[in-house]
Amino acid sequence: DEALVRLPERPVVYEAIVTDSMTFDKQTLTLHYYLSVKGPADTTAIANSEIKEDMIKALRGTTSVRPYKEAGYNFMYTFHSTKHPGKKLFETTITKNDYKQ
């Protein structure tokens, strides 16, 4: 599967992100996506990029999750390294306050 959020501004990075799985926390209304990063993007520098802002912009325009956004769900993303299994590169949560602005 490809990542839920495709961001054309930095295609080299985002083509290297693969969705591994997703969970849902009913208590917090959070969809949690677990992603693997491969290739040149497989670095902790991903945490220092503008990825969260790019993800918020993309989430605002994504119609496939509209019912979840309308219900006020949170979207959590955890990026893991492919080259160093088990290593977390970056984690962020996007809340309704982020994507409804």
C-alpha atoms as a PDB file:
ATOM      1  CA  ASP A   1       0.000   0.000   0.000  1.00  0.00           C
ATOM      2  CA  GLU A   2       1.096   3.526  -0.632  1.00  0.00           C
ATOM      3  CA  ALA A   3       1.035   6.106   2.111  1.00  0.00           C
ATOM      4  CA  LEU A   4      -2.355   7.679   2.786  1.00  0.00           C
ATOM      5  CA  VAL A   5      -0.966  11.138   2.261  1.00  0.00           C
ATOM      6  CA  ARG A   6       0.839  11.809  -1.023  1.00  0.00           C
ATOM      7  CA  LEU A   7       2.637  15.105  -1.123  1.00  0.00           C
ATOM      8  CA  PRO A   8       3.763  16.219  -4.580  1.00  0.00           C
ATOM      9  CA  GLU A   9       6.046  18.995  -3.320  1.00  0.00           C
ATOM     10  CA  ARG A  10       8.722  16.506  -2.249  1.00  0.00           C
ATOM     11  CA  PRO A  11       8.098  13.388  -4.350  1.00  0.00           C
ATOM     12  CA  VAL A  12      11.492  11.799  -3.679  1.00  0.00           C
ATOM     13  CA  VAL A  13      10.696  11.582   0.034  1.00  0.00           C
ATOM     14  CA  TYR A  14       7.082  10.565  -0.218  1.00  0.00           C
ATOM     15  CA  GLU A  15       7.559   7.885  -2.852  1.00  0.00           C
ATOM     16  CA  ALA A  16       9.809   6.221  -0.293  1.00  0.00           C
ATOM     17  CA  ILE A  17       7.085   5.943   2.360  1.00  0.00           C
ATOM     18  CA  VAL A  18       4.985   2.798   2.601  1.00  0.00           C
ATOM     19  CA  THR A  19       2.003   2.235   4.902  1.00  0.00           C
ATOM     20  CA  ASP A  20       2.554  -0.934   6.938  1.00  0.00           C
ATOM     21  CA  SER A  21      -0.595  -0.949   9.049  1.00  0.00           C
ATOM     22  CA  MET A  22      -3.242   1.138  10.736  1.00  0.00           C
ATOM     23  CA  THR A  23      -4.972   0.937  14.111  1.00  0.00           C
ATOM     24  CA  PHE A  24      -7.896   2.804  15.623  1.00  0.00           C
ATOM     25  CA  ASP A  25      -8.187   3.993  19.213  1.00  0.00           C
ATOM     26  CA  LYS A  26     -11.895   4.377  19.916  1.00  0.00           C
ATOM     27  CA  GLN A  27     -11.398   6.308  23.173  1.00  0.00           C
ATOM     28  CA  THR A  28      -9.329   9.054  21.562  1.00  0.00           C
ATOM     29  CA  LEU A  29     -10.819   8.799  18.041  1.00  0.00           C
ATOM     30  CA  THR A  30      -7.324   8.363  16.627  1.00  0.00           C
ATOM     31  CA  LEU A  31      -6.424   6.610  13.391  1.00  0.00           C
ATOM     32  CA  HIS A  32      -2.779   5.567  13.825  1.00  0.00           C
ATOM     33  CA  TYR A  33      -0.791   4.850  10.680  1.00  0.00           C
ATOM     34  CA  TYR A  34       2.500   2.947  10.881  1.00  0.00           C
ATOM     35  CA  LEU A  35       4.791   3.682   7.957  1.00  0.00           C
ATOM     36  CA  SER A  36       8.176   2.488   6.715  1.00  0.00           C
ATOM     37  CA  VAL A  37      10.675   4.827   5.118  1.00  0.00           C
ATOM     38  CA  LYS A  38      13.091   3.430   2.540  1.00  0.00           C
ATOM     39  CA  GLY A  39      15.912   4.647   0.356  1.00  0.00           C
ATOM     40  CA  PRO A  40      17.524   8.091   0.699  1.00  0.00           C
ATOM     41  CA  ALA A  41      14.607   9.330   2.833  1.00  0.00           C
ATOM     42  CA  ASP A  42      15.396   6.690   5.495  1.00  0.00           C
ATOM     43  CA  THR A  43      17.037   9.131   7.886  1.00  0.00           C
ATOM     44  CA  THR A  44      16.184  11.009  11.053  1.00  0.00           C
ATOM     45  CA  ALA A  45      16.336  14.203   8.958  1.00  0.00           C
ATOM     46  CA  ILE A  46      12.683  13.473   8.133  1.00  0.00           C
ATOM     47  CA  ALA A  47      11.847  14.743  11.629  1.00  0.00           C
ATOM     48  CA  ASN A  48      13.563  18.046  10.894  1.00  0.00           C
ATOM     49  CA  SER A  49      11.730  18.629   7.639  1.00  0.00           C
ATOM     50  CA  GLU A  50       8.441  20.407   7.177  1.00  0.00           C
ATOM     51  CA  ILE A  51       6.676  17.067   6.967  1.00  0.00           C
ATOM     52  CA  LYS A  52       3.983  17.808   9.553  1.00  0.00           C
ATOM     53  CA  GLU A  53       2.894  21.012   7.827  1.00  0.00           C
ATOM     54  CA  ASP A  54       2.910  19.214   4.472  1.00  0.00           C
ATOM     55  CA  MET A  55       0.851  16.380   5.959  1.00  0.00           C
ATOM     56  CA  ILE A  56      -1.693  18.821   7.412  1.00  0.00           C
ATOM     57  CA  LYS A  57      -2.081  20.516   4.016  1.00  0.00           C
ATOM     58  CA  ALA A  58      -2.503  17.165   2.285  1.00  0.00           C
ATOM     59  CA  LEU A  59      -4.965  15.900   4.897  1.00  0.00           C
ATOM     60  CA  ARG A  60      -7.102  19.001   4.410  1.00  0.00           C
ATOM     61  CA  GLY A  61      -7.422  18.142   0.721  1.00  0.00           C
ATOM     62  CA  THR A  62      -7.890  14.391   1.102  1.00  0.00           C
ATOM     63  CA  THR A  63     -11.507  13.476   0.409  1.00  0.00           C
ATOM     64  CA  SER A  64     -11.149   9.762   1.205  1.00  0.00           C
ATOM     65  CA  VAL A  65     -11.038  10.507   4.951  1.00  0.00           C
ATOM     66  CA  ARG A  66     -13.690  13.237   4.902  1.00  0.00           C
ATOM     67  CA  PRO A  67     -16.102  11.310   7.194  1.00  0.00           C
ATOM     68  CA  TYR A  68     -13.332  10.937   9.780  1.00  0.00           C
ATOM     69  CA  LYS A  69     -12.417  14.604   9.575  1.00  0.00           C
ATOM     70  CA  GLU A  70     -16.068  15.621   9.893  1.00  0.00           C
ATOM     71  CA  ALA A  71     -16.293  13.437  13.027  1.00  0.00           C
ATOM     72  CA  GLY A  72     -13.220  15.191  14.497  1.00  0.00           C
ATOM     73  CA  TYR A  73     -10.843  12.222  14.385  1.00  0.00           C
ATOM     74  CA  ASN A  74      -7.120  12.557  15.077  1.00  0.00           C
ATOM     75  CA  PHE A  75      -4.538  11.150  12.670  1.00  0.00           C
ATOM     76  CA  MET A  76      -1.314   9.788  14.138  1.00  0.00           C
ATOM     77  CA  TYR A  77       1.668   8.787  12.006  1.00  0.00           C
ATOM     78  CA  THR A  78       4.689   6.778  13.112  1.00  0.00           C
ATOM     79  CA  PHE A  79       7.569   6.493  10.635  1.00  0.00           C
ATOM     80  CA  HIS A  80      10.030   3.608  11.043  1.00  0.00           C
ATOM     81  CA  SER A  81      13.327   2.967   9.309  1.00  0.00           C
ATOM     82  CA  THR A  82      13.564   0.119   6.813  1.00  0.00           C
ATOM     83  CA  LYS A  83      17.346   0.024   6.970  1.00  0.00           C
ATOM     84  CA  HIS A  84      17.352  -0.055  10.810  1.00  0.00           C
ATOM     85  CA  PRO A  85      14.348  -2.208  11.808  1.00  0.00           C
ATOM     86  CA  GLY A  86      12.641  -1.012  14.973  1.00  0.00           C
ATOM     87  CA  LYS A  87      14.093   2.494  14.766  1.00  0.00           C
ATOM     88  CA  LYS A  88      11.434   5.222  14.983  1.00  0.00           C
ATOM     89  CA  LEU A  89      12.338   8.139  12.744  1.00  0.00           C
ATOM     90  CA  PHE A  90       9.428  10.438  13.457  1.00  0.00           C
ATOM     91  CA  GLU A  91       6.008  10.482  15.060  1.00  0.00           C
ATOM     92  CA  THR A  92       3.298  13.125  14.917  1.00  0.00           C
ATOM     93  CA  THR A  93      -0.387  13.553  15.587  1.00  0.00           C
ATOM     94  CA  ILE A  94      -2.629  15.779  13.526  1.00  0.00           C
ATOM     95  CA  THR A  95      -5.715  16.918  15.403  1.00  0.00           C
ATOM     96  CA  LYS A  96      -8.931  18.536  14.231  1.00  0.00           C
ATOM     97  CA  ASN A  97      -7.488  21.859  15.387  1.00  0.00           C
ATOM     98  CA  ASP A  98      -4.656  21.334  12.881  1.00  0.00           C
ATOM     99  CA  TYR A  99      -6.669  20.359   9.811  1.00  0.00           C
ATOM    100  CA  LYS A 100      -9.743  22.555  10.380  1.00  0.00           C
ATOM    101  CA  GLN A 101      -7.814  25.843  10.308  1.00  0.00           C
END
